[in-house]
Amino acid sequence: MKLFGAIFFSTILGWILIPFNVFGIAIAFGIIAGSLFYGISQLLSIKEKLTMISKHLDIKEEKVR
């Protein structure tokens, strides 16, 4: 349900920013790019925490081809 709400809110925000032409497009791009970079940084922090936990529990990584 949170995903549906986020998609709905983003759609409404996009329709509001359309009349602003270039300025609106720049804001929309900033929102999308910022969200993607934030998501990547969160994934990296999760990876670091899981690596620390696996080292603490002596879990060996499997090599992926």
PDB file of N, CA and C in Angstrom:
ATOM      1  N   MET A   1       0.824  -1.192   0.000  1.00  0.00           N
ATOM      2  CA  MET A   1       0.000   0.000   0.000  1.00  0.00           C
ATOM      3  C   MET A   1       0.871   1.259   0.000  1.00  0.00           C
ATOM      4  N   LYS A   2       2.016   1.207   0.668  1.00  0.00           N
ATOM      5  CA  LYS A   2       2.900   2.373   0.674  1.00  0.00           C
ATOM      6  C   LYS A   2       3.436   2.656  -0.724  1.00  0.00           C
ATOM      7  N   LEU A   3       3.727   1.586  -1.473  1.00  0.00           N
ATOM      8  CA  LEU A   3       4.213   1.763  -2.840  1.00  0.00           C
ATOM      9  C   LEU A   3       3.148   2.431  -3.706  1.00  0.00           C
ATOM     10  N   PHE A   4       1.903   1.982  -3.582  1.00  0.00           N
ATOM     11  CA  PHE A   4       0.815   2.584  -4.353  1.00  0.00           C
ATOM     12  C   PHE A   4       0.663   4.064  -3.997  1.00  0.00           C
ATOM     13  N   GLY A   5       0.746   4.374  -2.721  1.00  0.00           N
ATOM     14  CA  GLY A   5       0.647   5.769  -2.288  1.00  0.00           C
ATOM     15  C   GLY A   5       1.784   6.623  -2.842  1.00  0.00           C
ATOM     16  N   ALA A   6       2.999   6.069  -2.854  1.00  0.00           N
ATOM     17  CA  ALA A   6       4.142   6.805  -3.393  1.00  0.00           C
ATOM     18  C   ALA A   6       3.988   7.039  -4.892  1.00  0.00           C
ATOM     19  N   ILE A   7       3.505   6.022  -5.617  1.00  0.00           N
ATOM     20  CA  ILE A   7       3.292   6.177  -7.057  1.00  0.00           C
ATOM     21  C   ILE A   7       2.213   7.218  -7.314  1.00  0.00           C
ATOM     22  N   PHE A   8       1.131   7.162  -6.558  1.00  0.00           N
ATOM     23  CA  PHE A   8       0.043   8.132  -6.732  1.00  0.00           C
ATOM     24  C   PHE A   8       0.524   9.550  -6.442  1.00  0.00           C
ATOM     25  N   PHE A   9       1.248   9.735  -5.339  1.00  0.00           N
ATOM     26  CA  PHE A   9       1.766  11.058  -4.981  1.00  0.00           C
ATOM     27  C   PHE A   9       2.729  11.580  -6.045  1.00  0.00           C
ATOM     28  N   SER A  10       3.595  10.711  -6.564  1.00  0.00           N
ATOM     29  CA  SER A  10       4.545  11.123  -7.599  1.00  0.00           C
ATOM     30  C   SER A  10       3.833  11.518  -8.880  1.00  0.00           C
ATOM     31  N   THR A  11       2.756  10.797  -9.216  1.00  0.00           N
ATOM     32  CA  THR A  11       1.985  11.135 -10.408  1.00  0.00           C
ATOM     33  C   THR A  11       1.341  12.509 -10.264  1.00  0.00           C
ATOM     34  N   ILE A  12       0.730  12.765  -9.116  1.00  0.00           N
ATOM     35  CA  ILE A  12       0.107  14.076  -8.869  1.00  0.00           C
ATOM     36  C   ILE A  12       1.166  15.179  -8.917  1.00  0.00           C
ATOM     37  N   LEU A  13       2.305  14.947  -8.300  1.00  0.00           N
ATOM     38  CA  LEU A  13       3.385  15.931  -8.315  1.00  0.00           C
ATOM     39  C   LEU A  13       3.875  16.183  -9.733  1.00  0.00           C
ATOM     40  N   GLY A  14       3.970  15.127 -10.533  1.00  0.00           N
ATOM     41  CA  GLY A  14       4.380  15.288 -11.933  1.00  0.00           C
ATOM     42  C   GLY A  14       3.402  16.132 -12.717  1.00  0.00           C
ATOM     43  N   TRP A  15       2.105  15.899 -12.516  1.00  0.00           N
ATOM     44  CA  TRP A  15       1.098  16.697 -13.231  1.00  0.00           C
ATOM     45  C   TRP A  15       1.130  18.157 -12.785  1.00  0.00           C
ATOM     46  N   ILE A  16       1.454  18.404 -11.529  1.00  0.00           N
ATOM     47  CA  ILE A  16       1.555  19.785 -11.047  1.00  0.00           C
ATOM     48  C   ILE A  16       2.772  20.475 -11.656  1.00  0.00           C
ATOM     49  N   LEU A  17       3.887  19.745 -11.859  1.00  0.00           N
ATOM     50  CA  LEU A  17       5.123  20.354 -12.349  1.00  0.00           C
ATOM     51  C   LEU A  17       5.156  20.517 -13.868  1.00  0.00           C
ATOM     52  N   ILE A  18       4.257  19.873 -14.603  1.00  0.00           N
ATOM     53  CA  ILE A  18       4.272  19.965 -16.072  1.00  0.00           C
ATOM     54  C   ILE A  18       4.156  21.410 -16.576  1.00  0.00           C
ATOM     55  N   PRO A  19       3.266  22.242 -16.030  1.00  0.00           N
ATOM     56  CA  PRO A  19       3.148  23.609 -16.575  1.00  0.00           C
ATOM     57  C   PRO A  19       4.408  24.470 -16.397  1.00  0.00           C
ATOM     58  N   PHE A  20       5.309  24.082 -15.527  1.00  0.00           N
ATOM     59  CA  PHE A  20       6.504  24.882 -15.284  1.00  0.00           C
ATOM     60  C   PHE A  20       7.617  24.610 -16.287  1.00  0.00           C
ATOM     61  N   ASN A  21       7.349  23.795 -17.302  1.00  0.00           N
ATOM     62  CA  ASN A  21       8.273  23.462 -18.385  1.00  0.00           C
ATOM     63  C   ASN A  21       9.643  23.029 -17.871  1.00  0.00           C
ATOM     64  N   VAL A  22      10.686  23.772 -18.238  1.00  0.00           N
ATOM     65  CA  VAL A  22      12.053  23.350 -17.934  1.00  0.00           C
ATOM     66  C   VAL A  22      12.303  23.318 -16.427  1.00  0.00           C
ATOM     67  N   PHE A  23      11.806  24.290 -15.702  1.00  0.00           N
ATOM     68  CA  PHE A  23      12.013  24.333 -14.263  1.00  0.00           C
ATOM     69  C   PHE A  23      11.354  23.134 -13.586  1.00  0.00           C
ATOM     70  N   GLY A  24      10.150  22.791 -14.018  1.00  0.00           N
ATOM     71  CA  GLY A  24       9.448  21.643 -13.463  1.00  0.00           C
ATOM     72  C   GLY A  24      10.152  20.339 -13.778  1.00  0.00           C
ATOM     73  N   ILE A  25      10.673  20.229 -14.997  1.00  0.00           N
ATOM     74  CA  ILE A  25      11.403  19.027 -15.388  1.00  0.00           C
ATOM     75  C   ILE A  25      12.669  18.888 -14.549  1.00  0.00           C
ATOM     76  N   ALA A  26      13.356  19.998 -14.295  1.00  0.00           N
ATOM     77  CA  ALA A  26      14.570  19.961 -13.478  1.00  0.00           C
ATOM     78  C   ALA A  26      14.254  19.515 -12.055  1.00  0.00           C
ATOM     79  N   ILE A  27      13.159  20.002 -11.504  1.00  0.00           N
ATOM     80  CA  ILE A  27      12.770  19.597 -10.149  1.00  0.00           C
ATOM     81  C   ILE A  27      12.422  18.113 -10.121  1.00  0.00           C
ATOM     82  N   ALA A  28      11.650  17.661 -11.122  1.00  0.00           N
ATOM     83  CA  ALA A  28      11.266  16.246 -11.179  1.00  0.00           C
ATOM     84  C   ALA A  28      12.502  15.358 -11.320  1.00  0.00           C
ATOM     85  N   PHE A  29      13.441  15.758 -12.173  1.00  0.00           N
ATOM     86  CA  PHE A  29      14.665  14.981 -12.332  1.00  0.00           C
ATOM     87  C   PHE A  29      15.450  14.948 -11.024  1.00  0.00           C
ATOM     88  N   GLY A  30      15.508  16.062 -10.326  1.00  0.00           N
ATOM     89  CA  GLY A  30      16.207  16.112  -9.042  1.00  0.00           C
ATOM     90  C   GLY A  30      15.582  15.182  -8.017  1.00  0.00           C
ATOM     91  N   ILE A  31      14.249  15.120  -7.996  1.00  0.00           N
ATOM     92  CA  ILE A  31      13.567  14.237  -7.059  1.00  0.00           C
ATOM     93  C   ILE A  31      13.878  12.783  -7.383  1.00  0.00           C
ATOM     94  N   ILE A  32      13.795  12.422  -8.663  1.00  0.00           N
ATOM     95  CA  ILE A  32      14.046  11.037  -9.073  1.00  0.00           C
ATOM     96  C   ILE A  32      15.499  10.659  -8.826  1.00  0.00           C
ATOM     97  N   ALA A  33      16.431  11.505  -9.253  1.00  0.00           N
ATOM     98  CA  ALA A  33      17.853  11.194  -9.076  1.00  0.00           C
ATOM     99  C   ALA A  33      18.214  11.140  -7.592  1.00  0.00           C
ATOM    100  N   GLY A  34      17.690  12.055  -6.812  1.00  0.00           N
ATOM    101  CA  GLY A  34      17.963  12.055  -5.378  1.00  0.00           C
ATOM    102  C   GLY A  34      17.449  10.793  -4.707  1.00  0.00           C
ATOM    103  N   SER A  35      16.271  10.352  -5.108  1.00  0.00           N
ATOM    104  CA  SER A  35      15.711   9.123  -4.545  1.00  0.00           C
ATOM    105  C   SER A  35      16.561   7.909  -4.903  1.00  0.00           C
ATOM    106  N   LEU A  36      17.023   7.858  -6.150  1.00  0.00           N
ATOM    107  CA  LEU A  36      17.861   6.738  -6.576  1.00  0.00           C
ATOM    108  C   LEU A  36      19.190   6.715  -5.823  1.00  0.00           C
ATOM    109  N   PHE A  37      19.841   7.868  -5.694  1.00  0.00           N
ATOM    110  CA  PHE A  37      21.114   7.922  -4.976  1.00  0.00           C
ATOM    111  C   PHE A  37      20.929   7.588  -3.498  1.00  0.00           C
ATOM    112  N   TYR A  38      19.822   8.048  -2.904  1.00  0.00           N
ATOM    113  CA  TYR A  38      19.544   7.727  -1.509  1.00  0.00           C
ATOM    114  C   TYR A  38      19.330   6.223  -1.346  1.00  0.00           C
ATOM    115  N   GLY A  39      18.611   5.616  -2.275  1.00  0.00           N
ATOM    116  CA  GLY A  39      18.387   4.173  -2.228  1.00  0.00           C
ATOM    117  C   GLY A  39      19.677   3.393  -2.342  1.00  0.00           C
ATOM    118  N   ILE A  40      20.563   3.833  -3.226  1.00  0.00           N
ATOM    119  CA  ILE A  40      21.857   3.167  -3.384  1.00  0.00           C
ATOM    120  C   ILE A  40      22.683   3.295  -2.105  1.00  0.00           C
ATOM    121  N   SER A  41      22.673   4.468  -1.512  1.00  0.00           N
ATOM    122  CA  SER A  41      23.449   4.644  -0.275  1.00  0.00           C
ATOM    123  C   SER A  41      22.881   3.776   0.848  1.00  0.00           C
ATOM    124  N   GLN A  42      21.553   3.614   0.907  1.00  0.00           N
ATOM    125  CA  GLN A  42      20.955   2.753   1.920  1.00  0.00           C
ATOM    126  C   GLN A  42      21.330   1.293   1.692  1.00  0.00           C
ATOM    127  N   LEU A  43      21.343   0.864   0.425  1.00  0.00           N
ATOM    128  CA  LEU A  43      21.747  -0.507   0.121  1.00  0.00           C
ATOM    129  C   LEU A  43      23.203  -0.760   0.507  1.00  0.00           C
ATOM    130  N   LEU A  44      24.071   0.224   0.269  1.00  0.00           N
ATOM    131  CA  LEU A  44      25.472   0.069   0.654  1.00  0.00           C
ATOM    132  C   LEU A  44      25.636  -0.019   2.169  1.00  0.00           C
ATOM    133  N   SER A  45      24.859   0.759   2.914  1.00  0.00           N
ATOM    134  CA  SER A  45      24.958   0.686   4.370  1.00  0.00           C
ATOM    135  C   SER A  45      24.434  -0.650   4.886  1.00  0.00           C
ATOM    136  N   ILE A  46      23.390  -1.191   4.254  1.00  0.00           N
ATOM    137  CA  ILE A  46      22.893  -2.512   4.644  1.00  0.00           C
ATOM    138  C   ILE A  46      23.952  -3.568   4.364  1.00  0.00           C
ATOM    139  N   LYS A  47      24.627  -3.454   3.211  1.00  0.00           N
ATOM    140  CA  LYS A  47      25.681  -4.412   2.857  1.00  0.00           C
ATOM    141  C   LYS A  47      26.813  -4.374   3.885  1.00  0.00           C
ATOM    142  N   GLU A  48      27.212  -3.172   4.303  1.00  0.00           N
ATOM    143  CA  GLU A  48      28.278  -3.055   5.302  1.00  0.00           C
ATOM    144  C   GLU A  48      27.870  -3.697   6.627  1.00  0.00           C
ATOM    145  N   LYS A  49      26.630  -3.469   7.051  1.00  0.00           N
ATOM    146  CA  LYS A  49      26.167  -4.054   8.308  1.00  0.00           C
ATOM    147  C   LYS A  49      26.117  -5.573   8.219  1.00  0.00           C
ATOM    148  N   LEU A  50      25.639  -6.095   7.084  1.00  0.00           N
ATOM    149  CA  LEU A  50      25.583  -7.545   6.924  1.00  0.00           C
ATOM    150  C   LEU A  50      26.978  -8.155   6.872  1.00  0.00           C
ATOM    151  N   THR A  51      27.936  -7.434   6.273  1.00  0.00           N
ATOM    152  CA  THR A  51      29.310  -7.916   6.232  1.00  0.00           C
ATOM    153  C   THR A  51      29.889  -7.992   7.643  1.00  0.00           C
ATOM    154  N   MET A  52      29.630  -6.980   8.451  1.00  0.00           N
ATOM    155  CA  MET A  52      30.115  -6.994   9.834  1.00  0.00           C
ATOM    156  C   MET A  52      29.492  -8.138  10.618  1.00  0.00           C
ATOM    157  N   ILE A  53      28.195  -8.390  10.412  1.00  0.00           N
ATOM    158  CA  ILE A  53      27.527  -9.481  11.121  1.00  0.00           C
ATOM    159  C   ILE A  53      28.092 -10.823  10.690  1.00  0.00           C
ATOM    160  N   SER A  54      28.318 -10.984   9.368  1.00  0.00           N
ATOM    161  CA  SER A  54      28.830 -12.264   8.881  1.00  0.00           C
ATOM    162  C   SER A  54      30.255 -12.515   9.380  1.00  0.00           C
ATOM    163  N   LYS A  55      31.062 -11.463   9.505  1.00  0.00           N
ATOM    164  CA  LYS A  55      32.408 -11.640  10.046  1.00  0.00           C
ATOM    165  C   LYS A  55      32.349 -12.004  11.522  1.00  0.00           C
ATOM    166  N   HIS A  56      31.398 -11.426  12.233  1.00  0.00           N
ATOM    167  CA  HIS A  56      31.239 -11.717  13.649  1.00  0.00           C
ATOM    168  C   HIS A  56      30.798 -13.167  13.857  1.00  0.00           C
ATOM    169  N   LEU A  57      29.965 -13.678  12.964  1.00  0.00           N
ATOM    170  CA  LEU A  57      29.460 -15.044  13.104  1.00  0.00           C
ATOM    171  C   LEU A  57      30.311 -16.062  12.353  1.00  0.00           C
ATOM    172  N   ASP A  58      31.398 -15.615  11.758  1.00  0.00           N
ATOM    173  CA  ASP A  58      32.312 -16.488  10.997  1.00  0.00           C
ATOM    174  C   ASP A  58      31.617 -17.170   9.816  1.00  0.00           C
ATOM    175  N   ILE A  59      30.841 -16.422   9.055  1.00  0.00           N
ATOM    176  CA  ILE A  59      30.192 -16.950   7.864  1.00  0.00           C
ATOM    177  C   ILE A  59      31.055 -16.603   6.664  1.00  0.00           C
ATOM    178  N   LYS A  60      31.384 -17.602   5.878  1.00  0.00           N
ATOM    179  CA  LYS A  60      32.226 -17.389   4.695  1.00  0.00           C
ATOM    180  C   LYS A  60      31.352 -17.028   3.506  1.00  0.00           C
ATOM    181  N   GLU A  61      31.859 -16.110   2.643  1.00  0.00           N
ATOM    182  CA  GLU A  61      31.126 -15.732   1.432  1.00  0.00           C
ATOM    183  C   GLU A  61      31.345 -16.780   0.357  1.00  0.00           C
ATOM    184  N   GLU A  62      30.303 -17.054  -0.399  1.00  0.00           N
ATOM    185  CA  GLU A  62      30.409 -17.957  -1.531  1.00  0.00           C
ATOM    186  C   GLU A  62      30.783 -17.158  -2.765  1.00  0.00           C
ATOM    187  N   LYS A  63      31.642 -17.728  -3.600  1.00  0.00           N
ATOM    188  CA  LYS A  63      32.028 -17.032  -4.817  1.00  0.00           C
ATOM    189  C   LYS A  63      30.958 -17.230  -5.871  1.00  0.00           C
ATOM    190  N   VAL A  64      30.559 -16.144  -6.503  1.00  0.00           N
ATOM    191  CA  VAL A  64      29.547 -16.188  -7.554  1.00  0.00           C
ATOM    192  C   VAL A  64      30.241 -16.027  -8.887  1.00  0.00           C
ATOM    193  N   ARG A  65      29.896 -16.874  -9.829  1.00  0.00           N
ATOM    194  CA  ARG A  65      30.553 -16.799 -11.143  1.00  0.00           C
ATOM    195  C   ARG A  65      29.979 -15.709 -11.978  1.00  0.00           C
TER     196      ARG A  65
END
